[in-house]
Protein backbone atom coordinates (compact mmCIF):
# COMPACT_ATOMS: atom_id res chain seq x y z
CA MET A 1 72.48 100.38 115.35
CA GLY A 2 74.42 102.78 117.54
CA ALA A 3 75.67 106.30 116.96
CA VAL A 4 79.21 105.03 116.39
CA GLN A 5 78.03 102.89 113.49
CA ASP A 6 76.43 106.01 111.99
CA VAL A 7 79.86 107.69 112.01
CA VAL A 8 81.42 104.64 110.32
CA LYS A 9 78.67 104.69 107.70
CA ARG A 10 79.33 108.38 107.03
CA HIS A 11 83.08 107.81 106.46
CA VAL A 12 82.94 104.66 104.29
CA PRO A 13 79.34 104.44 103.00
CA ALA A 14 79.87 102.02 100.11
CA SER A 15 81.89 99.61 102.21
CA TYR A 16 79.39 99.88 105.05
CA ARG A 17 76.50 99.13 102.69
CA ALA A 18 78.39 96.26 101.07
CA LEU A 19 79.41 94.59 104.33
CA ILE A 20 76.65 95.53 106.77
CA GLY A 21 73.68 96.36 104.57
CA VAL A 22 73.80 93.16 102.56
CA THR A 23 73.50 89.71 104.02
CA ASN A 24 76.84 88.03 103.51
CA SER A 25 79.19 85.80 105.37
CA TYR A 26 81.94 88.42 105.61
CA TYR A 27 80.67 90.84 108.19
CA ASN A 28 77.56 91.98 109.98
CA ALA A 29 76.33 94.74 112.28
CA THR A 30 77.23 92.70 115.37
CA ASP A 31 80.86 92.49 114.23
CA LEU A 32 80.98 96.25 113.71
CA GLN A 33 79.40 96.90 117.12
CA TYR A 34 82.05 94.65 118.66
CA LEU A 35 84.72 96.89 117.11
CA ALA A 36 82.92 99.98 118.41
CA ASP A 37 82.72 98.49 121.91
CA PHE A 38 86.41 97.56 121.78
CA VAL A 39 87.42 101.11 120.80
CA GLN A 40 85.20 102.63 123.48
CA PHE A 41 86.65 100.38 126.14
CA ARG A 42 90.23 101.14 125.07
CA LEU A 43 89.58 104.90 125.16
CA PHE A 44 87.29 105.31 128.13
CA ALA A 45 87.45 101.96 130.00
CA THR A 46 83.68 101.68 129.71
CA VAL A 47 81.10 100.71 127.10
CA PRO A 48 77.74 102.49 127.30
CA GLY A 49 76.05 100.18 124.80
CA ALA A 50 74.84 100.92 121.29
CA THR A 51 71.59 102.55 122.37
CA ASN A 52 73.32 104.99 124.75
CA GLU A 53 76.30 106.02 122.62
CA ALA A 54 74.76 109.28 121.41
CA SER A 55 74.01 110.47 124.95
CA ALA A 56 77.17 109.13 126.63
CA TYR A 57 79.63 111.14 124.54
CA ASN A 58 79.81 114.72 123.33
CA ARG A 59 80.08 115.30 119.57
CA LYS A 60 83.88 115.34 119.45
CA GLU A 61 84.21 112.19 121.56
CA LEU A 62 81.61 110.43 119.43
CA GLU A 63 83.42 111.46 116.25
CA LEU A 64 86.75 110.22 117.63
CA VAL A 65 85.26 106.86 118.65
CA GLY A 66 83.61 106.61 115.22
CA ILE A 67 86.83 107.43 113.38
CA LEU A 68 88.84 104.91 115.40
CA THR A 69 86.15 102.29 114.79
CA THR A 70 86.30 103.10 111.07
CA LEU A 71 90.06 102.59 111.15
CA GLN A 72 89.42 99.13 112.62
CA PHE A 73 86.74 98.44 109.97
CA ILE A 74 88.71 99.50 106.87
CA PRO A 75 91.00 96.40 106.72
CA ALA A 76 87.91 94.17 106.56
CA ALA A 77 86.49 96.38 103.79
CA ILE A 78 89.76 96.19 101.86
CA ASP A 79 89.69 92.41 102.15
CA TYR A 80 86.07 92.34 100.99
CA TRP A 81 86.62 94.54 97.93
CA GLY A 82 89.69 92.56 96.92
CA ASP A 83 87.50 89.46 96.66
CA GLN A 84 84.63 90.91 94.59
CA LEU A 85 84.53 89.57 91.05
CA VAL A 86 83.10 92.13 88.59
CA SER A 87 83.09 90.10 85.42
CA GLN A 88 84.28 86.85 84.02
CA GLY A 89 84.86 86.21 80.36
CA LEU A 90 85.57 83.04 78.46
CA SER A 91 86.81 82.99 74.90
CA GLY A 92 88.05 79.66 73.63
CA THR A 93 90.66 78.52 76.11
CA ASN A 94 91.22 82.00 77.56
CA GLU A 95 89.49 83.05 80.74
CA THR A 96 89.55 86.62 82.04
CA ASN A 97 88.41 87.84 85.44
CA SER A 98 87.97 91.42 86.61
CA TRP A 99 87.82 92.57 90.22
CA LEU A 100 86.93 95.91 91.75
CA ASP A 101 89.93 97.72 93.13
CA ARG A 102 88.77 100.15 95.78
CA ARG A 103 91.57 99.19 98.10
CA GLU A 104 93.94 102.05 97.28
CA GLU A 105 91.20 104.61 97.84
CA LEU A 106 90.30 102.99 101.17
CA TRP A 107 93.94 103.32 102.27
CA ASN A 108 93.74 107.02 101.34
CA VAL A 109 90.64 107.34 103.52
CA PHE A 110 92.52 105.47 106.26
CA ASP A 111 95.43 107.95 106.13
CA ARG A 112 93.05 110.93 106.21
CA LEU A 113 91.20 109.49 109.20
CA VAL A 114 94.45 108.83 111.08
CA ALA A 115 95.34 112.51 110.75
CA GLU A 116 91.84 113.55 111.82
CA ALA A 117 91.95 111.20 114.82
CA LYS A 118 95.25 112.70 115.96
CA THR A 119 93.78 116.20 115.76
CA LEU A 120 90.57 115.27 117.57
CA SER A 121 92.39 113.36 120.29
CA GLY A 122 94.53 116.42 120.97
CA GLU A 123 91.44 118.61 121.26
CA ILE A 124 89.70 116.16 123.59
CA GLY A 125 92.79 115.33 125.63
CA VAL A 126 92.76 111.62 124.88
CA PRO A 127 96.24 110.26 124.11
CA TYR A 128 96.49 108.90 120.60
CA GLY A 129 99.31 106.77 119.31
CA VAL A 130 100.90 103.41 119.59
CA VAL A 131 101.13 102.19 123.13
CA GLY A 132 103.23 99.16 123.81
CA VAL A 133 106.47 97.73 124.99
CA ILE A 134 109.52 98.62 122.97
CA PRO A 135 111.88 95.67 122.69
CA GLN A 136 115.01 96.70 124.49
CA VAL A 137 117.45 94.04 123.46
CA SER A 138 119.09 95.37 120.34
CA TYR A 139 121.37 98.04 121.74
CA GLY A 140 123.55 98.74 124.72
CA ASP A 141 122.03 100.86 127.47
CA ASN A 142 125.20 102.86 128.19
CA GLY A 143 124.93 102.11 131.88
CA ARG A 144 121.38 103.48 132.18
CA GLY A 145 119.97 100.13 133.35
CA ILE A 146 116.83 100.41 131.20
CA LEU A 147 117.03 97.14 129.31
CA VAL A 148 114.50 94.41 129.94
CA THR A 149 117.12 91.86 128.93
CA ARG A 150 120.84 92.05 128.80
CA ASP A 151 122.53 93.25 125.65
CA PRO A 152 122.60 90.29 123.22
CA ALA A 153 126.25 91.04 122.53
CA CYS A 154 126.96 89.96 126.13
CA TRP A 155 125.10 86.64 125.89
CA PRO A 156 127.23 83.49 126.13
CA ALA A 157 127.97 81.65 122.91
CA LEU A 158 125.54 78.90 122.01
CA ASP A 159 128.27 76.29 122.11
CA SER A 160 129.67 77.39 125.48
CA VAL A 161 129.91 74.87 128.29
CA GLY A 162 129.40 75.68 131.93
CA THR A 163 127.00 77.65 134.03
CA PHE A 164 124.54 79.81 132.24
CA ASP A 165 123.13 82.93 133.83
CA PRO A 166 119.45 83.48 133.10
CA ILE A 167 118.92 86.13 130.45
CA TRP A 168 115.82 87.57 132.11
CA GLU A 169 116.53 89.62 135.15
CA SER A 170 113.99 89.66 137.92
CA ASN A 171 112.73 93.03 139.06
């Protein structure tokens, strides 16, 4: 077990124990290490391996990697807890089932960790946020030429006959 998994265990101990500490078909330590490796690669473009995590990163970097790994782990924990039957009762033709509901509290932990990750990333100098391509097809560009595709309002009608210009412009 690597240092990143220790951080995950510190933030969500009951879920860690339930999913990693117990033999089940939901999750295991290898799955969690895969998440840790994925986060490390996304942040630093390298993966030092579980045995070298504690020496490869300083305390703030290790905490950030651990928090981001925990954020990746929490949806699996929410799914797990939503499927755990606590009790089942049968009285005549009536059957009652009770499940644990730790999901709301896990989402609260998730929100707290998102805020903490943003703070830590700012201190470390690692950009934090959503990185991706913004679809640029739903508004006019006002002559700025920034759209990936032409404005849909300018597309030819579906029932039009004749030549059709390709929607995608080559760069």
